[in-house]
Amino acid sequence: MILAIVLFSVIGLLWWSTFSIQYTFLEDILYIKGGPFRSKIPYHAITSVYATKNIWTGYRILSSKEAIEILNSQTILGSIKISPEQQTIFLQELEKRAPQVQIQNELKI
């Protein structure tokens, strides 16, 4: 019985973390939410963005293999990996709000 409760709890947490992912552009911060995990990254703290295939390591809130890594001075390990559905639109909005960000050539809009 205890094993079943633990198993369903873990499955529920994974499901919640995977299917409730949101990336929101607020006035001064990029707000990233996935299940119980949250990150608030001020635009001025973001230094660069690049494509990554390495989705198994580091701090990540994503649901796809098509990921981008945002280097910054605010999150754990100095970066976060995300996978917005519409990468081009996401990067255009990020570039508007954080013009200092260096976007890797492969990701250029």
PDB file of N, CA and C in Angstrom:
ATOM      1  N   MET A   1       0.821  -1.192   0.000  1.00  0.00           N
ATOM      2  CA  MET A   1       0.000   0.000   0.000  1.00  0.00           C
ATOM      3  C   MET A   1       0.871   1.264   0.000  1.00  0.00           C
ATOM      4  N   ILE A   2       1.903   1.267   0.854  1.00  0.00           N
ATOM      5  CA  ILE A   2       2.792   2.429   0.921  1.00  0.00           C
ATOM      6  C   ILE A   2       3.528   2.606  -0.399  1.00  0.00           C
ATOM      7  N   LEU A   3       3.966   1.510  -0.984  1.00  0.00           N
ATOM      8  CA  LEU A   3       4.657   1.567  -2.270  1.00  0.00           C
ATOM      9  C   LEU A   3       3.745   2.162  -3.348  1.00  0.00           C
ATOM     10  N   ALA A   4       2.481   1.791  -3.370  1.00  0.00           N
ATOM     11  CA  ALA A   4       1.530   2.328  -4.339  1.00  0.00           C
ATOM     12  C   ALA A   4       1.335   3.827  -4.140  1.00  0.00           C
ATOM     13  N   ILE A   5       1.251   4.273  -2.904  1.00  0.00           N
ATOM     14  CA  ILE A   5       1.086   5.704  -2.617  1.00  0.00           C
ATOM     15  C   ILE A   5       2.311   6.483  -3.083  1.00  0.00           C
ATOM     16  N   VAL A   6       3.494   5.960  -2.800  1.00  0.00           N
ATOM     17  CA  VAL A   6       4.732   6.619  -3.236  1.00  0.00           C
ATOM     18  C   VAL A   6       4.804   6.654  -4.754  1.00  0.00           C
ATOM     19  N   LEU A   7       4.489   5.555  -5.399  1.00  0.00           N
ATOM     20  CA  LEU A   7       4.520   5.475  -6.851  1.00  0.00           C
ATOM     21  C   LEU A   7       3.560   6.484  -7.484  1.00  0.00           C
ATOM     22  N   PHE A   8       2.318   6.531  -7.014  1.00  0.00           N
ATOM     23  CA  PHE A   8       1.348   7.489  -7.556  1.00  0.00           C
ATOM     24  C   PHE A   8       1.745   8.932  -7.264  1.00  0.00           C
ATOM     25  N   SER A   9       2.373   9.171  -6.132  1.00  0.00           N
ATOM     26  CA  SER A   9       2.842  10.523  -5.798  1.00  0.00           C
ATOM     27  C   SER A   9       3.946  10.965  -6.755  1.00  0.00           C
ATOM     28  N   VAL A  10       4.881  10.082  -7.024  1.00  0.00           N
ATOM     29  CA  VAL A  10       5.976  10.406  -7.940  1.00  0.00           C
ATOM     30  C   VAL A  10       5.443  10.620  -9.350  1.00  0.00           C
ATOM     31  N   ILE A  11       4.562   9.748  -9.797  1.00  0.00           N
ATOM     32  CA  ILE A  11       3.964   9.896 -11.131  1.00  0.00           C
ATOM     33  C   ILE A  11       3.176  11.203 -11.215  1.00  0.00           C
ATOM     34  N   GLY A  12       2.437  11.530 -10.188  1.00  0.00           N
ATOM     35  CA  GLY A  12       1.680  12.785 -10.160  1.00  0.00           C
ATOM     36  C   GLY A  12       2.583  14.001 -10.217  1.00  0.00           C
ATOM     37  N   LEU A  13       3.683  13.986  -9.478  1.00  0.00           N
ATOM     38  CA  LEU A  13       4.632  15.097  -9.487  1.00  0.00           C
ATOM     39  C   LEU A  13       5.270  15.255 -10.865  1.00  0.00           C
ATOM     40  N   LEU A  14       5.666  14.152 -11.477  1.00  0.00           N
ATOM     41  CA  LEU A  14       6.244  14.208 -12.823  1.00  0.00           C
ATOM     42  C   LEU A  14       5.238  14.731 -13.843  1.00  0.00           C
ATOM     43  N   TRP A  15       4.020  14.259 -13.767  1.00  0.00           N
ATOM     44  CA  TRP A  15       2.973  14.715 -14.688  1.00  0.00           C
ATOM     45  C   TRP A  15       2.723  16.212 -14.508  1.00  0.00           C
ATOM     46  N   TRP A  16       2.581  16.665 -13.263  1.00  0.00           N
ATOM     47  CA  TRP A  16       2.348  18.079 -12.947  1.00  0.00           C
ATOM     48  C   TRP A  16       3.515  18.925 -13.440  1.00  0.00           C
ATOM     49  N   SER A  17       4.734  18.468 -13.219  1.00  0.00           N
ATOM     50  CA  SER A  17       5.921  19.222 -13.628  1.00  0.00           C
ATOM     51  C   SER A  17       6.049  19.313 -15.145  1.00  0.00           C
ATOM     52  N   THR A  18       5.620  18.294 -15.856  1.00  0.00           N
ATOM     53  CA  THR A  18       5.766  18.259 -17.309  1.00  0.00           C
ATOM     54  C   THR A  18       4.647  18.992 -18.034  1.00  0.00           C
ATOM     55  N   PHE A  19       3.424  18.857 -17.580  1.00  0.00           N
ATOM     56  CA  PHE A  19       2.291  19.382 -18.334  1.00  0.00           C
ATOM     57  C   PHE A  19       1.758  20.721 -17.840  1.00  0.00           C
ATOM     58  N   SER A  20       2.426  21.331 -16.888  1.00  0.00           N
ATOM     59  CA  SER A  20       1.973  22.651 -16.436  1.00  0.00           C
ATOM     60  C   SER A  20       3.042  23.715 -16.654  1.00  0.00           C
ATOM     61  N   ILE A  21       3.914  23.497 -17.619  1.00  0.00           N
ATOM     62  CA  ILE A  21       5.023  24.415 -17.865  1.00  0.00           C
ATOM     63  C   ILE A  21       4.512  25.699 -18.514  1.00  0.00           C
ATOM     64  N   GLN A  22       4.965  26.842 -17.968  1.00  0.00           N
ATOM     65  CA  GLN A  22       4.607  28.149 -18.517  1.00  0.00           C
ATOM     66  C   GLN A  22       5.827  29.048 -18.488  1.00  0.00           C
ATOM     67  N   TYR A  23       5.987  29.833 -19.560  1.00  0.00           N
ATOM     68  CA  TYR A  23       7.025  30.847 -19.629  1.00  0.00           C
ATOM     69  C   TYR A  23       6.302  32.173 -19.828  1.00  0.00           C
ATOM     70  N   THR A  24       6.428  33.085 -18.867  1.00  0.00           N
ATOM     71  CA  THR A  24       5.675  34.332 -18.902  1.00  0.00           C
ATOM     72  C   THR A  24       6.630  35.518 -18.861  1.00  0.00           C
ATOM     73  N   PHE A  25       6.435  36.447 -19.800  1.00  0.00           N
ATOM     74  CA  PHE A  25       7.201  37.687 -19.814  1.00  0.00           C
ATOM     75  C   PHE A  25       6.451  38.717 -18.985  1.00  0.00           C
ATOM     76  N   LEU A  26       7.014  39.070 -17.833  1.00  0.00           N
ATOM     77  CA  LEU A  26       6.446  40.117 -16.996  1.00  0.00           C
ATOM     78  C   LEU A  26       7.228  41.404 -17.248  1.00  0.00           C
ATOM     79  N   GLU A  27       6.889  42.470 -16.551  1.00  0.00           N
ATOM     80  CA  GLU A  27       7.510  43.760 -16.819  1.00  0.00           C
ATOM     81  C   GLU A  27       9.036  43.720 -16.685  1.00  0.00           C
ATOM     82  N   ASP A  28       9.539  43.182 -15.584  1.00  0.00           N
ATOM     83  CA  ASP A  28      10.985  43.190 -15.333  1.00  0.00           C
ATOM     84  C   ASP A  28      11.631  41.810 -15.287  1.00  0.00           C
ATOM     85  N   ILE A  29      10.821  40.755 -15.341  1.00  0.00           N
ATOM     86  CA  ILE A  29      11.371  39.407 -15.195  1.00  0.00           C
ATOM     87  C   ILE A  29      10.753  38.413 -16.175  1.00  0.00           C
ATOM     88  N   LEU A  30      11.517  37.372 -16.445  1.00  0.00           N
ATOM     89  CA  LEU A  30      11.010  36.203 -17.144  1.00  0.00           C
ATOM     90  C   LEU A  30      10.620  35.215 -16.056  1.00  0.00           C
ATOM     91  N   TYR A  31       9.343  34.851 -16.016  1.00  0.00           N
ATOM     92  CA  TYR A  31       8.814  33.958 -14.989  1.00  0.00           C
ATOM     93  C   TYR A  31       8.618  32.582 -15.609  1.00  0.00           C
ATOM     94  N   ILE A  32       9.304  31.592 -15.056  1.00  0.00           N
ATOM     95  CA  ILE A  32       9.255  30.227 -15.577  1.00  0.00           C
ATOM     96  C   ILE A  32       8.661  29.336 -14.498  1.00  0.00           C
ATOM     97  N   LYS A  33       7.609  28.566 -14.874  1.00  0.00           N
ATOM     98  CA  LYS A  33       6.911  27.731 -13.901  1.00  0.00           C
ATOM     99  C   LYS A  33       6.672  26.353 -14.502  1.00  0.00           C
ATOM    100  N   GLY A  34       6.976  25.333 -13.734  1.00  0.00           N
ATOM    101  CA  GLY A  34       6.705  23.956 -14.127  1.00  0.00           C
ATOM    102  C   GLY A  34       6.412  23.138 -12.886  1.00  0.00           C
ATOM    103  N   GLY A  35       5.143  22.839 -12.649  1.00  0.00           N
ATOM    104  CA  GLY A  35       4.781  22.126 -11.433  1.00  0.00           C
ATOM    105  C   GLY A  35       5.124  22.963 -10.217  1.00  0.00           C
ATOM    106  N   PRO A  36       5.802  22.385  -9.230  1.00  0.00           N
ATOM    107  CA  PRO A  36       6.155  23.141  -8.028  1.00  0.00           C
ATOM    108  C   PRO A  36       7.414  23.989  -8.211  1.00  0.00           C
ATOM    109  N   PHE A  37       8.071  23.887  -9.365  1.00  0.00           N
ATOM    110  CA  PHE A  37       9.326  24.592  -9.602  1.00  0.00           C
ATOM    111  C   PHE A  37       9.073  25.935 -10.269  1.00  0.00           C
ATOM    112  N   ARG A  38       9.757  26.976  -9.770  1.00  0.00           N
ATOM    113  CA  ARG A  38       9.565  28.323 -10.285  1.00  0.00           C
ATOM    114  C   ARG A  38      10.912  29.028 -10.359  1.00  0.00           C
ATOM    115  N   SER A  39      11.064  29.876 -11.377  1.00  0.00           N
ATOM    116  CA  SER A  39      12.249  30.718 -11.503  1.00  0.00           C
ATOM    117  C   SER A  39      11.812  32.096 -11.946  1.00  0.00           C
ATOM    118  N   LYS A  40      12.391  33.106 -11.319  1.00  0.00           N
ATOM    119  CA  LYS A  40      12.169  34.500 -11.698  1.00  0.00           C
ATOM    120  C   LYS A  40      13.519  35.061 -12.105  1.00  0.00           C
ATOM    121  N   ILE A  41      13.673  35.336 -13.395  1.00  0.00           N
ATOM    122  CA  ILE A  41      14.950  35.803 -13.906  1.00  0.00           C
ATOM    123  C   ILE A  41      14.793  37.245 -14.404  1.00  0.00           C
ATOM    124  N   PRO A  42      15.437  38.209 -13.746  1.00  0.00           N
ATOM    125  CA  PRO A  42      15.390  39.589 -14.246  1.00  0.00           C
ATOM    126  C   PRO A  42      16.047  39.652 -15.629  1.00  0.00           C
ATOM    127  N   TYR A  43      15.472  40.452 -16.510  1.00  0.00           N
ATOM    128  CA  TYR A  43      16.010  40.539 -17.871  1.00  0.00           C
ATOM    129  C   TYR A  43      17.460  40.996 -17.871  1.00  0.00           C
ATOM    130  N   HIS A  44      17.820  41.898 -16.969  1.00  0.00           N
ATOM    131  CA  HIS A  44      19.194  42.404 -16.938  1.00  0.00           C
ATOM    132  C   HIS A  44      20.199  41.327 -16.532  1.00  0.00           C
ATOM    133  N   ALA A  45      19.732  40.234 -15.931  1.00  0.00           N
ATOM    134  CA  ALA A  45      20.625  39.153 -15.492  1.00  0.00           C
ATOM    135  C   ALA A  45      20.888  38.127 -16.588  1.00  0.00           C
ATOM    136  N   ILE A  46      20.159  38.188 -17.691  1.00  0.00           N
ATOM    137  CA  ILE A  46      20.326  37.223 -18.783  1.00  0.00           C
ATOM    138  C   ILE A  46      21.472  37.686 -19.677  1.00  0.00           C
ATOM    139  N   THR A  47      22.429  36.783 -19.916  1.00  0.00           N
ATOM    140  CA  THR A  47      23.586  37.154 -20.736  1.00  0.00           C
ATOM    141  C   THR A  47      23.542  36.561 -22.139  1.00  0.00           C
ATOM    142  N   SER A  48      23.147  35.291 -22.265  1.00  0.00           N
ATOM    143  CA  SER A  48      23.096  34.680 -23.591  1.00  0.00           C
ATOM    144  C   SER A  48      22.115  33.520 -23.638  1.00  0.00           C
ATOM    145  N   VAL A  49      21.763  33.148 -24.870  1.00  0.00           N
ATOM    146  CA  VAL A  49      20.811  32.063 -25.119  1.00  0.00           C
ATOM    147  C   VAL A  49      21.365  31.225 -26.268  1.00  0.00           C
ATOM    148  N   TYR A  50      21.330  29.923 -26.113  1.00  0.00           N
ATOM    149  CA  TYR A  50      21.769  29.057 -27.206  1.00  0.00           C
ATOM    150  C   TYR A  50      21.009  27.739 -27.203  1.00  0.00           C
ATOM    151  N   ALA A  51      21.007  27.082 -28.371  1.00  0.00           N
ATOM    152  CA  ALA A  51      20.345  25.785 -28.517  1.00  0.00           C
ATOM    153  C   ALA A  51      21.157  24.719 -27.793  1.00  0.00           C
ATOM    154  N   THR A  52      20.466  23.740 -27.231  1.00  0.00           N
ATOM    155  CA  THR A  52      21.153  22.638 -26.554  1.00  0.00           C
ATOM    156  C   THR A  52      20.408  21.328 -26.795  1.00  0.00           C
ATOM    157  N   LYS A  53      21.180  20.281 -26.932  1.00  0.00           N
ATOM    158  CA  LYS A  53      20.612  18.930 -27.038  1.00  0.00           C
ATOM    159  C   LYS A  53      20.790  18.189 -25.709  1.00  0.00           C
ATOM    160  N   ASN A  54      21.594  18.759 -24.821  1.00  0.00           N
ATOM    161  CA  ASN A  54      21.896  18.142 -23.530  1.00  0.00           C
ATOM    162  C   ASN A  54      20.803  18.515 -22.524  1.00  0.00           C
ATOM    163  N   ILE A  55      19.699  17.777 -22.556  1.00  0.00           N
ATOM    164  CA  ILE A  55      18.566  18.097 -21.679  1.00  0.00           C
ATOM    165  C   ILE A  55      18.552  17.280 -20.396  1.00  0.00           C
ATOM    166  N   TRP A  56      19.532  16.426 -20.195  1.00  0.00           N
ATOM    167  CA  TRP A  56      19.512  15.538 -19.033  1.00  0.00           C
ATOM    168  C   TRP A  56      20.288  16.068 -17.843  1.00  0.00           C
ATOM    169  N   THR A  57      21.050  17.137 -18.033  1.00  0.00           N
ATOM    170  CA  THR A  57      21.838  17.676 -16.925  1.00  0.00           C
ATOM    171  C   THR A  57      21.466  19.127 -16.667  1.00  0.00           C
ATOM    172  N   GLY A  58      21.785  19.600 -15.493  1.00  0.00           N
ATOM    173  CA  GLY A  58      21.561  20.992 -15.153  1.00  0.00           C
ATOM    174  C   GLY A  58      20.128  21.263 -14.713  1.00  0.00           C
ATOM    175  N   TYR A  59      19.878  22.531 -14.428  1.00  0.00           N
ATOM    176  CA  TYR A  59      18.557  22.977 -13.995  1.00  0.00           C
ATOM    177  C   TYR A  59      17.684  23.149 -15.231  1.00  0.00           C
ATOM    178  N   ARG A  60      16.537  22.482 -15.249  1.00  0.00           N
ATOM    179  CA  ARG A  60      15.705  22.527 -16.455  1.00  0.00           C
ATOM    180  C   ARG A  60      14.228  22.457 -16.088  1.00  0.00           C
ATOM    181  N   ILE A  61      13.459  23.203 -16.859  1.00  0.00           N
ATOM    182  CA  ILE A  61      12.005  23.129 -16.793  1.00  0.00           C
ATOM    183  C   ILE A  61      11.572  23.050 -18.250  1.00  0.00           C
ATOM    184  N   LEU A  62      11.440  21.829 -18.743  1.00  0.00           N
ATOM    185  CA  LEU A  62      11.154  21.639 -20.159  1.00  0.00           C
ATOM    186  C   LEU A  62      10.375  20.367 -20.395  1.00  0.00           C
ATOM    187  N   SER A  63       9.825  20.284 -21.611  1.00  0.00           N
ATOM    188  CA  SER A  63       9.041  19.094 -21.952  1.00  0.00           C
ATOM    189  C   SER A  63       9.350  18.594 -23.359  1.00  0.00           C
ATOM    190  N   SER A  64      10.471  19.025 -23.928  1.00  0.00           N
ATOM    191  CA  SER A  64      10.816  18.658 -25.287  1.00  0.00           C
ATOM    192  C   SER A  64      12.330  18.532 -25.420  1.00  0.00           C
ATOM    193  N   LYS A  65      12.781  17.819 -26.447  1.00  0.00           N
ATOM    194  CA  LYS A  65      14.212  17.718 -26.717  1.00  0.00           C
ATOM    195  C   LYS A  65      14.734  18.957 -27.436  1.00  0.00           C
ATOM    196  N   GLU A  66      13.847  19.750 -28.015  1.00  0.00           N
ATOM    197  CA  GLU A  66      14.234  20.983 -28.699  1.00  0.00           C
ATOM    198  C   GLU A  66      14.330  22.087 -27.659  1.00  0.00           C
ATOM    199  N   ALA A  67      15.469  22.173 -26.999  1.00  0.00           N
ATOM    200  CA  ALA A  67      15.603  23.076 -25.861  1.00  0.00           C
ATOM    201  C   ALA A  67      16.566  24.215 -26.147  1.00  0.00           C
ATOM    202  N   ILE A  68      16.401  25.270 -25.360  1.00  0.00           N
ATOM    203  CA  ILE A  68      17.356  26.368 -25.366  1.00  0.00           C
ATOM    204  C   ILE A  68      17.850  26.548 -23.930  1.00  0.00           C
ATOM    205  N   GLU A  69      19.075  27.002 -23.814  1.00  0.00           N
ATOM    206  CA  GLU A  69      19.647  27.242 -22.495  1.00  0.00           C
ATOM    207  C   GLU A  69      19.841  28.742 -22.321  1.00  0.00           C
ATOM    208  N   ILE A  70      19.350  29.259 -21.222  1.00  0.00           N
ATOM    209  CA  ILE A  70      19.462  30.678 -20.906  1.00  0.00           C
ATOM    210  C   ILE A  70      20.521  30.834 -19.820  1.00  0.00           C
ATOM    211  N   LEU A  71      21.624  31.477 -20.172  1.00  0.00           N
ATOM    212  CA  LEU A  71      22.672  31.749 -19.199  1.00  0.00           C
ATOM    213  C   LEU A  71      22.333  33.037 -18.469  1.00  0.00           C
ATOM    214  N   ASN A  72      22.453  33.014 -17.140  1.00  0.00           N
ATOM    215  CA  ASN A  72      22.088  34.173 -16.337  1.00  0.00           C
ATOM    216  C   ASN A  72      22.784  34.103 -14.986  1.00  0.00           C
ATOM    217  N   SER A  73      22.624  35.159 -14.211  1.00  0.00           N
ATOM    218  CA  SER A  73      23.285  35.214 -12.905  1.00  0.00           C
ATOM    219  C   SER A  73      22.324  34.968 -11.747  1.00  0.00           C
ATOM    220  N   GLN A  74      21.120  34.491 -12.014  1.00  0.00           N
ATOM    221  CA  GLN A  74      20.118  34.344 -10.968  1.00  0.00           C
ATOM    222  C   GLN A  74      19.721  32.912 -10.625  1.00  0.00           C
ATOM    223  N   THR A  75      19.850  31.979 -11.547  1.00  0.00           N
ATOM    224  CA  THR A  75      19.361  30.621 -11.290  1.00  0.00           C
ATOM    225  C   THR A  75      20.468  29.709 -10.782  1.00  0.00           C
ATOM    226  N   ILE A  76      20.049  28.557 -10.294  1.00  0.00           N
ATOM    227  CA  ILE A  76      20.980  27.531  -9.834  1.00  0.00           C
ATOM    228  C   ILE A  76      21.908  27.158 -10.993  1.00  0.00           C
ATOM    229  N   LEU A  77      23.175  27.050 -10.730  1.00  0.00           N
ATOM    230  CA  LEU A  77      24.196  26.683 -11.722  1.00  0.00           C
ATOM    231  C   LEU A  77      24.381  27.724 -12.827  1.00  0.00           C
ATOM    232  N   GLY A  78      23.712  28.864 -12.747  1.00  0.00           N
ATOM    233  CA  GLY A  78      23.916  29.942 -13.708  1.00  0.00           C
ATOM    234  C   GLY A  78      23.232  29.781 -15.045  1.00  0.00           C
ATOM    235  N   SER A  79      22.366  28.777 -15.168  1.00  0.00           N
ATOM    236  CA  SER A  79      21.630  28.614 -16.423  1.00  0.00           C
ATOM    237  C   SER A  79      20.356  27.815 -16.165  1.00  0.00           C
ATOM    238  N   ILE A  80      19.450  27.920 -17.131  1.00  0.00           N
ATOM    239  CA  ILE A  80      18.219  27.138 -17.083  1.00  0.00           C
ATOM    240  C   ILE A  80      17.902  26.689 -18.503  1.00  0.00           C
ATOM    241  N   LYS A  81      17.449  25.457 -18.636  1.00  0.00           N
ATOM    242  CA  LYS A  81      17.080  24.908 -19.938  1.00  0.00           C
ATOM    243  C   LYS A  81      15.565  24.874 -20.035  1.00  0.00           C
ATOM    244  N   ILE A  82      15.051  25.425 -21.140  1.00  0.00           N
ATOM    245  CA  ILE A  82      13.604  25.473 -21.355  1.00  0.00           C
ATOM    246  C   ILE A  82      13.299  25.044 -22.785  1.00  0.00           C
ATOM    247  N   SER A  83      12.013  24.797 -23.055  1.00  0.00           N
ATOM    248  CA  SER A  83      11.608  24.387 -24.407  1.00  0.00           C
ATOM    249  C   SER A  83      10.280  25.046 -24.788  1.00  0.00           C
ATOM    250  N   PRO A  84      10.316  26.349 -25.107  1.00  0.00           N
ATOM    251  CA  PRO A  84       9.070  26.995 -25.516  1.00  0.00           C
ATOM    252  C   PRO A  84       8.556  26.398 -26.830  1.00  0.00           C
ATOM    253  N   GLU A  85       7.239  26.280 -26.942  1.00  0.00           N
ATOM    254  CA  GLU A  85       6.634  25.699 -28.146  1.00  0.00           C
ATOM    255  C   GLU A  85       6.990  26.494 -29.388  1.00  0.00           C
ATOM    256  N   GLN A  86       6.916  27.801 -29.289  1.00  0.00           N
ATOM    257  CA  GLN A  86       7.197  28.675 -30.430  1.00  0.00           C
ATOM    258  C   GLN A  86       8.487  29.439 -30.139  1.00  0.00           C
ATOM    259  N   GLN A  87       9.611  28.783 -30.421  1.00  0.00           N
ATOM    260  CA  GLN A  87      10.908  29.346 -30.083  1.00  0.00           C
ATOM    261  C   GLN A  87      11.157  30.703 -30.726  1.00  0.00           C
ATOM    262  N   THR A  88      10.789  30.870 -31.985  1.00  0.00           N
ATOM    263  CA  THR A  88      11.040  32.127 -32.684  1.00  0.00           C
ATOM    264  C   THR A  88      10.325  33.280 -32.004  1.00  0.00           C
ATOM    265  N   ILE A  89       9.064  33.104 -31.684  1.00  0.00           N
ATOM    266  CA  ILE A  89       8.292  34.153 -31.014  1.00  0.00           C
ATOM    267  C   ILE A  89       8.862  34.420 -29.623  1.00  0.00           C
ATOM    268  N   PHE A  90       9.237  33.371 -28.903  1.00  0.00           N
ATOM    269  CA  PHE A  90       9.835  33.519 -27.586  1.00  0.00           C
ATOM    270  C   PHE A  90      11.118  34.350 -27.673  1.00  0.00           C
ATOM    271  N   LEU A  91      11.989  34.014 -28.629  1.00  0.00           N
ATOM    272  CA  LEU A  91      13.260  34.724 -28.767  1.00  0.00           C
ATOM    273  C   LEU A  91      13.059  36.176 -29.199  1.00  0.00           C
ATOM    274  N   GLN A  92      12.082  36.441 -30.050  1.00  0.00           N
ATOM    275  CA  GLN A  92      11.782  37.824 -30.444  1.00  0.00           C
ATOM    276  C   GLN A  92      11.363  38.648 -29.237  1.00  0.00           C
ATOM    277  N   GLU A  93      10.512  38.094 -28.411  1.00  0.00           N
ATOM    278  CA  GLU A  93      10.054  38.812 -27.219  1.00  0.00           C
ATOM    279  C   GLU A  93      11.207  38.994 -26.226  1.00  0.00           C
ATOM    280  N   LEU A  94      12.024  37.977 -26.060  1.00  0.00           N
ATOM    281  CA  LEU A  94      13.171  38.091 -25.161  1.00  0.00           C
ATOM    282  C   LEU A  94      14.132  39.168 -25.649  1.00  0.00           C
ATOM    283  N   GLU A  95      14.356  39.223 -26.946  1.00  0.00           N
ATOM    284  CA  GLU A  95      15.264  40.232 -27.512  1.00  0.00           C
ATOM    285  C   GLU A  95      14.725  41.649 -27.303  1.00  0.00           C
ATOM    286  N   LYS A  96      13.409  41.818 -27.367  1.00  0.00           N
ATOM    287  CA  LYS A  96      12.798  43.129 -27.104  1.00  0.00           C
ATOM    288  C   LYS A  96      13.021  43.563 -25.664  1.00  0.00           C
ATOM    289  N   ARG A  97      12.849  42.622 -24.747  1.00  0.00           N
ATOM    290  CA  ARG A  97      12.904  42.952 -23.319  1.00  0.00           C
ATOM    291  C   ARG A  97      14.320  42.944 -22.749  1.00  0.00           C
ATOM    292  N   ALA A  98      15.220  42.222 -23.404  1.00  0.00           N
ATOM    293  CA  ALA A  98      16.609  42.140 -22.932  1.00  0.00           C
ATOM    294  C   ALA A  98      17.552  42.301 -24.122  1.00  0.00           C
ATOM    295  N   PRO A  99      17.718  43.544 -24.607  1.00  0.00           N
ATOM    296  CA  PRO A  99      18.518  43.759 -25.819  1.00  0.00           C
ATOM    297  C   PRO A  99      20.002  43.381 -25.663  1.00  0.00           C
ATOM    298  N   GLN A 100      20.498  43.263 -24.448  1.00  0.00           N
ATOM    299  CA  GLN A 100      21.896  42.908 -24.222  1.00  0.00           C
ATOM    300  C   GLN A 100      22.175  41.425 -24.446  1.00  0.00           C
ATOM    301  N   VAL A 101      21.161  40.624 -24.570  1.00  0.00           N
ATOM    302  CA  VAL A 101      21.307  39.170 -24.683  1.00  0.00           C
ATOM    303  C   VAL A 101      21.951  38.793 -26.010  1.00  0.00           C
ATOM    304  N   GLN A 102      22.942  37.919 -25.931  1.00  0.00           N
ATOM    305  CA  GLN A 102      23.568  37.373 -27.130  1.00  0.00           C
ATOM    306  C   GLN A 102      22.846  36.084 -27.482  1.00  0.00           C
ATOM    307  N   ILE A 103      22.288  36.043 -28.696  1.00  0.00           N
ATOM    308  CA  ILE A 103      21.569  34.858 -29.148  1.00  0.00           C
ATOM    309  C   ILE A 103      22.449  34.124 -30.146  1.00  0.00           C
ATOM    310  N   GLN A 104      22.681  32.848 -29.897  1.00  0.00           N
ATOM    311  CA  GLN A 104      23.535  32.022 -30.750  1.00  0.00           C
ATOM    312  C   GLN A 104      23.041  32.066 -32.183  1.00  0.00           C
ATOM    313  N   ASN A 105      23.965  31.996 -33.138  1.00  0.00           N
ATOM    314  CA  ASN A 105      23.629  32.103 -34.551  1.00  0.00           C
ATOM    315  C   ASN A 105      22.522  31.163 -34.992  1.00  0.00           C
ATOM    316  N   GLU A 106      22.526  29.917 -34.517  1.00  0.00           N
ATOM    317  CA  GLU A 106      21.504  28.941 -34.922  1.00  0.00           C
ATOM    318  C   GLU A 106      20.105  29.381 -34.498  1.00  0.00           C
ATOM    319  N   LEU A 107      20.020  30.210 -33.473  1.00  0.00           N
ATOM    320  CA  LEU A 107      18.732  30.629 -32.958  1.00  0.00           C
ATOM    321  C   LEU A 107      18.299  31.988 -33.489  1.00  0.00           C
ATOM    322  N   LYS A 108      19.118  32.631 -34.301  1.00  0.00           N
ATOM    323  CA  LYS A 108      18.789  33.986 -34.757  1.00  0.00           C
ATOM    324  C   LYS A 108      17.411  34.024 -35.393  1.00  0.00           C
ATOM    325  N   ILE A 109      16.746  35.105 -35.168  1.00  0.00           N
ATOM    326  CA  ILE A 109      15.370  35.294 -35.598  1.00  0.00           C
ATOM    327  C   ILE A 109      15.318  35.726 -37.052  1.00  0.00           C
TER     328      ILE A 109
END
